[in-house]
Amino acid sequence: TKLPFSEQDAVDHPVSLYAATKKANELMAHSYAHLYRLPTT
């Protein structure tokens, strides 16, 4: 509820399955950036 939303905010409390999958995408992208040096944004 803290506004405006910042990329530095924790995003650990999704309120929809859609949001949970998008958070998962960010985590998956980081793992590939870390393991394989794949640049992801």
All heavy atoms as atom14 arrays in JSON, in Angstrom:
{
  "sequence": "TKLPFSEQDAVDHPVSLYAATKKANELMAHSYAHLYRLPTT",
  "atom14_mask": [
    [1, 1, 1, 1, 1, 1, 1, 0, 0, 0, 0, 0, 0, 0],
    [1, 1, 1, 1, 1, 1, 1, 1, 1, 0, 0, 0, 0, 0],
    [1, 1, 1, 1, 1, 1, 1, 1, 0, 0, 0, 0, 0, 0],
    [1, 1, 1, 1, 1, 1, 1, 0, 0, 0, 0, 0, 0, 0],
    [1, 1, 1, 1, 1, 1, 1, 1, 1, 1, 1, 0, 0, 0],
    [1, 1, 1, 1, 1, 1, 0, 0, 0, 0, 0, 0, 0, 0],
    [1, 1, 1, 1, 1, 1, 1, 1, 1, 0, 0, 0, 0, 0],
    [1, 1, 1, 1, 1, 1, 1, 1, 1, 0, 0, 0, 0, 0],
    [1, 1, 1, 1, 1, 1, 1, 1, 0, 0, 0, 0, 0, 0],
    [1, 1, 1, 1, 1, 0, 0, 0, 0, 0, 0, 0, 0, 0],
    [1, 1, 1, 1, 1, 1, 1, 0, 0, 0, 0, 0, 0, 0],
    [1, 1, 1, 1, 1, 1, 1, 1, 0, 0, 0, 0, 0, 0],
    [1, 1, 1, 1, 1, 1, 1, 1, 1, 1, 0, 0, 0, 0],
    [1, 1, 1, 1, 1, 1, 1, 0, 0, 0, 0, 0, 0, 0],
    [1, 1, 1, 1, 1, 1, 1, 0, 0, 0, 0, 0, 0, 0],
    [1, 1, 1, 1, 1, 1, 0, 0, 0, 0, 0, 0, 0, 0],
    [1, 1, 1, 1, 1, 1, 1, 1, 0, 0, 0, 0, 0, 0],
    [1, 1, 1, 1, 1, 1, 1, 1, 1, 1, 1, 1, 0, 0],
    [1, 1, 1, 1, 1, 0, 0, 0, 0, 0, 0, 0, 0, 0],
    [1, 1, 1, 1, 1, 0, 0, 0, 0, 0, 0, 0, 0, 0],
    [1, 1, 1, 1, 1, 1, 1, 0, 0, 0, 0, 0, 0, 0],
    [1, 1, 1, 1, 1, 1, 1, 1, 1, 0, 0, 0, 0, 0],
    [1, 1, 1, 1, 1, 1, 1, 1, 1, 0, 0, 0, 0, 0],
    [1, 1, 1, 1, 1, 0, 0, 0, 0, 0, 0, 0, 0, 0],
    [1, 1, 1, 1, 1, 1, 1, 1, 0, 0, 0, 0, 0, 0],
    [1, 1, 1, 1, 1, 1, 1, 1, 1, 0, 0, 0, 0, 0],
    [1, 1, 1, 1, 1, 1, 1, 1, 0, 0, 0, 0, 0, 0],
    [1, 1, 1, 1, 1, 1, 1, 1, 0, 0, 0, 0, 0, 0],
    [1, 1, 1, 1, 1, 0, 0, 0, 0, 0, 0, 0, 0, 0],
    [1, 1, 1, 1, 1, 1, 1, 1, 1, 1, 0, 0, 0, 0],
    [1, 1, 1, 1, 1, 1, 0, 0, 0, 0, 0, 0, 0, 0],
    [1, 1, 1, 1, 1, 1, 1, 1, 1, 1, 1, 1, 0, 0],
    [1, 1, 1, 1, 1, 0, 0, 0, 0, 0, 0, 0, 0, 0],
    [1, 1, 1, 1, 1, 1, 1, 1, 1, 1, 0, 0, 0, 0],
    [1, 1, 1, 1, 1, 1, 1, 1, 0, 0, 0, 0, 0, 0],
    [1, 1, 1, 1, 1, 1, 1, 1, 1, 1, 1, 1, 0, 0],
    [1, 1, 1, 1, 1, 1, 1, 1, 1, 1, 1, 0, 0, 0],
    [1, 1, 1, 1, 1, 1, 1, 1, 0, 0, 0, 0, 0, 0],
    [1, 1, 1, 1, 1, 1, 1, 0, 0, 0, 0, 0, 0, 0],
    [1, 1, 1, 1, 1, 1, 1, 0, 0, 0, 0, 0, 0, 0],
    [1, 1, 1, 1, 1, 1, 1, 0, 0, 0, 0, 0, 0, 0]
  ],
  "atom14_positions": [
    [[0.82, -1.22, 0.0], [0.0, 0.0, 0.0], [0.85, 1.26, 0.0], [0.31, 2.36, -0.18], [-0.95, 0.03, 1.21], [-0.19, -0.08, 2.42], [-1.96, -1.1, 1.13], [0.0, 0.0, 0.0], [0.0, 0.0, 0.0], [0.0, 0.0, 0.0], [0.0, 0.0, 0.0], [0.0, 0.0, 0.0], [0.0, 0.0, 0.0], [0.0, 0.0, 0.0]],
    [[2.16, 1.14, 0.18], [3.04, 2.32, 0.11], [3.12, 2.79, -1.33], [3.46, 2.0, -2.22], [4.44, 1.98, 0.65], [5.4, 3.17, 0.6], [6.79, 2.75, 1.05], [7.53, 1.96, -0.02], [7.81, 2.76, -1.25], [0.0, 0.0, 0.0], [0.0, 0.0, 0.0], [0.0, 0.0, 0.0], [0.0, 0.0, 0.0], [0.0, 0.0, 0.0]],
    [[2.8, 4.05, -1.56], [2.82, 4.61, -2.9], [3.82, 5.76, -3.0], [4.03, 6.48, -2.04], [1.42, 5.11, -3.27], [0.31, 4.04, -3.32], [-1.05, 4.72, -3.54], [0.58, 3.01, -4.4], [0.0, 0.0, 0.0], [0.0, 0.0, 0.0], [0.0, 0.0, 0.0], [0.0, 0.0, 0.0], [0.0, 0.0, 0.0], [0.0, 0.0, 0.0]],
    [[4.44, 5.95, -4.18], [4.33, 5.13, -5.38], [5.09, 3.82, -5.22], [5.98, 3.71, -4.38], [4.96, 6.0, -6.46], [5.97, 6.83, -5.72], [5.34, 7.12, -4.38], [0.0, 0.0, 0.0], [0.0, 0.0, 0.0], [0.0, 0.0, 0.0], [0.0, 0.0, 0.0], [0.0, 0.0, 0.0], [0.0, 0.0, 0.0], [0.0, 0.0, 0.0]],
    [[4.74, 2.84, -6.04], [5.43, 1.55, -6.02], [6.83, 1.72, -6.6], [7.01, 2.28, -7.68], [4.68, 0.52, -6.85], [3.33, 0.14, -6.32], [2.3, -0.19, -7.18], [3.08, 0.09, -4.96], [1.05, -0.56, -6.71], [1.84, -0.27, -4.46], [0.81, -0.59, -5.34], [0.0, 0.0, 0.0], [0.0, 0.0, 0.0], [0.0, 0.0, 0.0]],
    [[7.81, 1.22, -5.87], [9.21, 1.31, -6.3], [9.77, -0.08, -6.56], [9.37, -1.05, -5.9], [10.04, 2.0, -5.21], [11.43, 1.82, -5.43], [0.0, 0.0, 0.0], [0.0, 0.0, 0.0], [0.0, 0.0, 0.0], [0.0, 0.0, 0.0], [0.0, 0.0, 0.0], [0.0, 0.0, 0.0], [0.0, 0.0, 0.0], [0.0, 0.0, 0.0]],
    [[10.69, -0.18, -7.5], [11.35, -1.46, -7.79], [12.12, -1.98, -6.57], [12.46, -3.15, -6.52], [12.3, -1.32, -8.98], [11.65, -0.93, -10.28], [11.67, 0.57, -10.52], [11.8, 1.34, -9.54], [11.56, 0.98, -11.7], [0.0, 0.0, 0.0], [0.0, 0.0, 0.0], [0.0, 0.0, 0.0], [0.0, 0.0, 0.0], [0.0, 0.0, 0.0]],
    [[12.4, -1.08, -5.62], [13.11, -1.51, -4.41], [12.18, -2.1, -3.35], [12.64, -2.65, -2.35], [13.88, -0.33, -3.8], [15.25, -0.08, -4.44], [15.13, 0.35, -5.89], [14.4, 1.29, -6.2], [15.83, -0.33, -6.78], [0.0, 0.0, 0.0], [0.0, 0.0, 0.0], [0.0, 0.0, 0.0], [0.0, 0.0, 0.0], [0.0, 0.0, 0.0]],
    [[10.87, -2.02, -3.57], [9.92, -2.58, -2.62], [9.91, -4.11, -2.68], [10.12, -4.7, -3.75], [8.5, -2.08, -2.93], [8.35, -0.59, -2.74], [9.15, 0.01, -2.01], [7.41, -0.01, -3.33], [0.0, 0.0, 0.0], [0.0, 0.0, 0.0], [0.0, 0.0, 0.0], [0.0, 0.0, 0.0], [0.0, 0.0, 0.0], [0.0, 0.0, 0.0]],
    [[9.63, -4.74, -1.55], [9.42, -6.18, -1.54], [8.1, -6.5, -2.25], [7.12, -5.76, -2.11], [9.38, -6.7, -0.11], [0.0, 0.0, 0.0], [0.0, 0.0, 0.0], [0.0, 0.0, 0.0], [0.0, 0.0, 0.0], [0.0, 0.0, 0.0], [0.0, 0.0, 0.0], [0.0, 0.0, 0.0], [0.0, 0.0, 0.0], [0.0, 0.0, 0.0]],
    [[8.1, -7.58, -3.01], [6.88, -7.97, -3.74], [6.58, -9.44, -3.44], [6.5, -10.28, -4.33], [7.01, -7.72, -5.26], [6.95, -6.23, -5.55], [8.28, -8.31, -5.84], [0.0, 0.0, 0.0], [0.0, 0.0, 0.0], [0.0, 0.0, 0.0], [0.0, 0.0, 0.0], [0.0, 0.0, 0.0], [0.0, 0.0, 0.0], [0.0, 0.0, 0.0]],
    [[6.38, -9.72, -2.19], [6.22, -11.09, -1.72], [4.8, -11.46, -1.34], [4.56, -12.53, -0.78], [7.14, -11.34, -0.51], [8.6, -11.13, -0.85], [9.0, -11.52, -1.97], [9.34, -10.57, -0.02], [0.0, 0.0, 0.0], [0.0, 0.0, 0.0], [0.0, 0.0, 0.0], [0.0, 0.0, 0.0], [0.0, 0.0, 0.0], [0.0, 0.0, 0.0]],
    [[3.83, -10.59, -1.65], [2.46, -10.85, -1.24], [1.49, -10.64, -2.4], [0.64, -9.74, -2.36], [2.07, -9.97, -0.04], [2.94, -10.21, 1.16], [4.1, -9.52, 1.4], [2.82, -11.11, 2.17], [4.67, -9.97, 2.51], [3.91, -10.93, 2.99], [0.0, 0.0, 0.0], [0.0, 0.0, 0.0], [0.0, 0.0, 0.0], [0.0, 0.0, 0.0]],
    [[1.57, -11.48, -3.43], [0.64, -11.36, -4.55], [-0.78, -11.66, -4.1], [-1.0, -12.48, -3.21], [1.14, -12.41, -5.55], [1.87, -13.41, -4.7], [2.5, -12.62, -3.59], [0.0, 0.0, 0.0], [0.0, 0.0, 0.0], [0.0, 0.0, 0.0], [0.0, 0.0, 0.0], [0.0, 0.0, 0.0], [0.0, 0.0, 0.0], [0.0, 0.0, 0.0]],
    [[-1.75, -10.99, -4.75], [-3.15, -11.22, -4.4], [-3.92, -11.85, -5.56], [-5.15, -11.9, -5.54], [-3.84, -9.92, -3.93], [-3.2, -9.4, -2.65], [-3.8, -8.85, -5.01], [0.0, 0.0, 0.0], [0.0, 0.0, 0.0], [0.0, 0.0, 0.0], [0.0, 0.0, 0.0], [0.0, 0.0, 0.0], [0.0, 0.0, 0.0], [0.0, 0.0, 0.0]],
    [[-3.2, -12.33, -6.55], [-3.81, -13.06, -7.66], [-2.8, -14.06, -8.19], [-1.58, -13.89, -8.04], [-4.24, -12.12, -8.8], [-3.11, -11.55, -9.43], [0.0, 0.0, 0.0], [0.0, 0.0, 0.0], [0.0, 0.0, 0.0], [0.0, 0.0, 0.0], [0.0, 0.0, 0.0], [0.0, 0.0, 0.0], [0.0, 0.0, 0.0], [0.0, 0.0, 0.0]],
    [[-3.29, -15.12, -8.82], [-2.4, -16.1, -9.42], [-1.59, -15.46, -10.54], [-0.41, -15.76, -10.72], [-3.2, -17.29, -9.96], [-2.39, -18.41, -10.62], [-1.39, -19.01, -9.65], [-3.33, -19.48, -11.17], [0.0, 0.0, 0.0], [0.0, 0.0, 0.0], [0.0, 0.0, 0.0], [0.0, 0.0, 0.0], [0.0, 0.0, 0.0], [0.0, 0.0, 0.0]],
    [[-2.21, -14.58, -11.32], [-1.5, -13.87, -12.38], [-0.27, -13.16, -11.82], [0.84, -13.27, -12.35], [-2.44, -12.88, -13.05], [-1.76, -11.93, -14.01], [-1.29, -12.38, -15.25], [-1.59, -10.59, -13.69], [-0.67, -11.51, -16.13], [-0.98, -9.71, -14.57], [-0.52, -10.18, -15.79], [0.11, -9.31, -16.65], [0.0, 0.0, 0.0], [0.0, 0.0, 0.0]],
    [[-0.46, -12.43, -10.73], [0.65, -11.7, -10.11], [1.74, -12.66, -9.64], [2.93, -12.38, -9.79], [0.14, -10.87, -8.94], [0.0, 0.0, 0.0], [0.0, 0.0, 0.0], [0.0, 0.0, 0.0], [0.0, 0.0, 0.0], [0.0, 0.0, 0.0], [0.0, 0.0, 0.0], [0.0, 0.0, 0.0], [0.0, 0.0, 0.0], [0.0, 0.0, 0.0]],
    [[1.33, -13.79, -9.08], [2.31, -14.77, -8.61], [3.16, -15.3, -9.76], [4.37, -15.49, -9.62], [1.6, -15.92, -7.91], [0.0, 0.0, 0.0], [0.0, 0.0, 0.0], [0.0, 0.0, 0.0], [0.0, 0.0, 0.0], [0.0, 0.0, 0.0], [0.0, 0.0, 0.0], [0.0, 0.0, 0.0], [0.0, 0.0, 0.0], [0.0, 0.0, 0.0]],
    [[2.54, -15.52, -10.93], [3.32, -16.02, -12.07], [4.27, -14.95, -12.59], [5.38, -15.27, -13.04], [2.41, -16.5, -13.21], [1.64, -15.41, -13.73], [1.5, -17.63, -12.76], [0.0, 0.0, 0.0], [0.0, 0.0, 0.0], [0.0, 0.0, 0.0], [0.0, 0.0, 0.0], [0.0, 0.0, 0.0], [0.0, 0.0, 0.0], [0.0, 0.0, 0.0]],
    [[3.88, -13.69, -12.53], [4.77, -12.62, -12.99], [5.95, -12.45, -12.04], [7.08, -12.2, -12.48], [3.98, -11.31, -13.13], [3.04, -11.31, -14.32], [3.8, -11.49, -15.63], [2.94, -11.43, -16.85], [3.69, -11.58, -18.1], [0.0, 0.0, 0.0], [0.0, 0.0, 0.0], [0.0, 0.0, 0.0], [0.0, 0.0, 0.0], [0.0, 0.0, 0.0]],
    [[5.71, -12.58, -10.75], [6.82, -12.57, -9.79], [7.74, -13.76, -10.06], [8.98, -13.63, -10.03], [6.27, -12.63, -8.37], [7.3, -12.91, -7.28], [8.35, -11.84, -7.16], [9.27, -12.11, -5.96], [10.39, -11.15, -5.9], [0.0, 0.0, 0.0], [0.0, 0.0, 0.0], [0.0, 0.0, 0.0], [0.0, 0.0, 0.0], [0.0, 0.0, 0.0]],
    [[7.16, -14.91, -10.35], [7.96, -16.09, -10.68], [8.82, -15.85, -11.91], [9.98, -16.28, -11.97], [7.05, -17.31, -10.89], [0.0, 0.0, 0.0], [0.0, 0.0, 0.0], [0.0, 0.0, 0.0], [0.0, 0.0, 0.0], [0.0, 0.0, 0.0], [0.0, 0.0, 0.0], [0.0, 0.0, 0.0], [0.0, 0.0, 0.0], [0.0, 0.0, 0.0]],
    [[8.28, -15.16, -12.9], [9.05, -14.84, -14.11], [10.3, -14.03, -13.76], [11.38, -14.27, -14.31], [8.21, -14.06, -15.1], [7.16, -14.89, -15.81], [6.31, -14.35, -16.51], [7.18, -16.21, -15.63], [0.0, 0.0, 0.0], [0.0, 0.0, 0.0], [0.0, 0.0, 0.0], [0.0, 0.0, 0.0], [0.0, 0.0, 0.0], [0.0, 0.0, 0.0]],
    [[10.15, -13.07, -12.87], [11.3, -12.25, -12.48], [12.37, -13.11, -11.81], [13.58, -12.94, -12.05], [10.85, -11.14, -11.54], [9.91, -10.13, -12.2], [9.39, -9.06, -11.26], [9.74, -9.1, -10.06], [8.64, -8.18, -11.73], [0.0, 0.0, 0.0], [0.0, 0.0, 0.0], [0.0, 0.0, 0.0], [0.0, 0.0, 0.0], [0.0, 0.0, 0.0]],
    [[11.95, -14.05, -10.98], [12.9, -14.94, -10.3], [13.57, -15.89, -11.3], [14.79, -16.13, -11.23], [12.18, -15.74, -9.22], [11.57, -14.94, -8.07], [10.75, -15.85, -7.17], [12.67, -14.25, -7.26], [0.0, 0.0, 0.0], [0.0, 0.0, 0.0], [0.0, 0.0, 0.0], [0.0, 0.0, 0.0], [0.0, 0.0, 0.0], [0.0, 0.0, 0.0]],
    [[12.79, -16.42, -12.22], [13.35, -17.31, -13.23], [14.36, -16.58, -14.11], [15.43, -17.11, -14.43], [12.21, -17.88, -14.09], [11.26, -18.8, -13.33], [9.69, -19.09, -14.2], [10.24, -20.18, -15.52], [0.0, 0.0, 0.0], [0.0, 0.0, 0.0], [0.0, 0.0, 0.0], [0.0, 0.0, 0.0], [0.0, 0.0, 0.0], [0.0, 0.0, 0.0]],
    [[14.02, -15.34, -14.48], [14.92, -14.55, -15.31], [16.24, -14.29, -14.58], [17.32, -14.37, -15.18], [14.27, -13.23, -15.69], [0.0, 0.0, 0.0], [0.0, 0.0, 0.0], [0.0, 0.0, 0.0], [0.0, 0.0, 0.0], [0.0, 0.0, 0.0], [0.0, 0.0, 0.0], [0.0, 0.0, 0.0], [0.0, 0.0, 0.0], [0.0, 0.0, 0.0]],
    [[16.15, -14.02, -13.28], [17.39, -13.79, -12.54], [18.27, -15.03, -12.51], [19.5, -14.95, -12.64], [17.13, -13.32, -11.1], [18.41, -12.97, -10.39], [19.13, -13.89, -9.67], [19.11, -11.81, -10.33], [20.22, -13.32, -9.19], [20.23, -12.04, -9.57], [0.0, 0.0, 0.0], [0.0, 0.0, 0.0], [0.0, 0.0, 0.0], [0.0, 0.0, 0.0]],
    [[17.66, -16.19, -12.35], [18.46, -17.42, -12.29], [19.21, -17.63, -13.61], [20.38, -18.04, -13.61], [17.59, -18.62, -11.96], [16.71, -18.93, -13.02], [0.0, 0.0, 0.0], [0.0, 0.0, 0.0], [0.0, 0.0, 0.0], [0.0, 0.0, 0.0], [0.0, 0.0, 0.0], [0.0, 0.0, 0.0], [0.0, 0.0, 0.0], [0.0, 0.0, 0.0]],
    [[18.58, -17.33, -14.74], [19.24, -17.5, -16.03], [20.29, -16.41, -16.25], [21.35, -16.67, -16.86], [18.22, -17.51, -17.18], [17.7, -18.9, -17.45], [16.92, -19.57, -16.52], [18.02, -19.56, -18.63], [16.46, -20.85, -16.75], [17.57, -20.84, -18.89], [16.78, -21.48, -17.94], [16.34, -22.77, -18.17], [0.0, 0.0, 0.0], [0.0, 0.0, 0.0]],
    [[20.02, -15.21, -15.76], [21.04, -14.16, -15.85], [22.26, -14.54, -15.03], [23.41, -14.31, -15.45], [20.45, -12.84, -15.36], [0.0, 0.0, 0.0], [0.0, 0.0, 0.0], [0.0, 0.0, 0.0], [0.0, 0.0, 0.0], [0.0, 0.0, 0.0], [0.0, 0.0, 0.0], [0.0, 0.0, 0.0], [0.0, 0.0, 0.0], [0.0, 0.0, 0.0]],
    [[22.03, -15.14, -13.87], [23.13, -15.53, -13.0], [23.89, -16.75, -13.53], [25.12, -16.75, -13.6], [22.59, -15.83, -11.59], [23.61, -16.41, -10.66], [24.61, -15.66, -10.08], [23.8, -17.68, -10.22], [25.37, -16.43, -9.33], [24.89, -17.67, -9.39], [0.0, 0.0, 0.0], [0.0, 0.0, 0.0], [0.0, 0.0, 0.0], [0.0, 0.0, 0.0]],
    [[23.16, -17.78, -13.9], [23.79, -19.04, -14.31], [24.44, -18.96, -15.69], [25.53, -19.52, -15.91], [22.76, -20.17, -14.3], [22.23, -20.6, -12.94], [21.05, -21.55, -13.12], [23.33, -21.26, -12.13], [0.0, 0.0, 0.0], [0.0, 0.0, 0.0], [0.0, 0.0, 0.0], [0.0, 0.0, 0.0], [0.0, 0.0, 0.0], [0.0, 0.0, 0.0]],
    [[23.77, -18.27, -16.62], [24.21, -18.32, -18.02], [24.58, -16.96, -18.57], [24.87, -16.84, -19.77], [23.09, -18.95, -18.88], [22.59, -20.25, -18.31], [21.28, -20.37, -17.84], [23.43, -21.36, -18.2], [20.82, -21.56, -17.3], [22.98, -22.56, -17.66], [21.67, -22.64, -17.21], [21.21, -23.83, -16.66], [0.0, 0.0, 0.0], [0.0, 0.0, 0.0]],
    [[24.58, -15.94, -17.7], [24.93, -14.57, -18.09], [24.03, -14.08, -19.22], [24.45, -13.32, -20.1], [26.4, -14.44, -18.47], [27.37, -15.06, -17.49], [27.1, -14.71, -16.04], [27.4, -13.29, -15.72], [27.21, -12.77, -14.51], [26.69, -13.51, -13.53], [27.52, -11.51, -14.29], [0.0, 0.0, 0.0], [0.0, 0.0, 0.0], [0.0, 0.0, 0.0]],
    [[22.79, -14.51, -19.22], [21.81, -14.05, -20.19], [21.27, -12.7, -19.73], [20.62, -12.61, -18.69], [20.66, -15.06, -20.31], [19.43, -14.6, -21.11], [19.79, -14.41, -22.58], [18.28, -15.61, -20.96], [0.0, 0.0, 0.0], [0.0, 0.0, 0.0], [0.0, 0.0, 0.0], [0.0, 0.0, 0.0], [0.0, 0.0, 0.0], [0.0, 0.0, 0.0]],
    [[21.51, -11.63, -20.48], [20.97, -10.33, -20.07], [19.44, -10.31, -20.14], [18.86, -10.62, -21.19], [21.57, -9.36, -21.1], [22.79, -10.06, -21.63], [22.4, -11.51, -21.65], [0.0, 0.0, 0.0], [0.0, 0.0, 0.0], [0.0, 0.0, 0.0], [0.0, 0.0, 0.0], [0.0, 0.0, 0.0], [0.0, 0.0, 0.0], [0.0, 0.0, 0.0]],
    [[18.8, -10.0, -19.03], [17.34, -9.98, -18.96], [16.87, -8.68, -18.33], [17.45, -8.2, -17.35], [16.78, -11.15, -18.14], [17.14, -10.98, -16.76], [17.31, -12.49, -18.64], [0.0, 0.0, 0.0], [0.0, 0.0, 0.0], [0.0, 0.0, 0.0], [0.0, 0.0, 0.0], [0.0, 0.0, 0.0], [0.0, 0.0, 0.0], [0.0, 0.0, 0.0]],
    [[15.81, -8.12, -18.89], [15.18, -6.93, -18.32], [13.68, -7.17, -18.23], [13.03, -7.47, -19.23], [15.44, -5.68, -19.19], [16.85, -5.46, -19.29], [14.78, -4.46, -18.56], [0.0, 0.0, 0.0], [0.0, 0.0, 0.0], [0.0, 0.0, 0.0], [0.0, 0.0, 0.0], [0.0, 0.0, 0.0], [0.0, 0.0, 0.0], [0.0, 0.0, 0.0]]
  ]
}
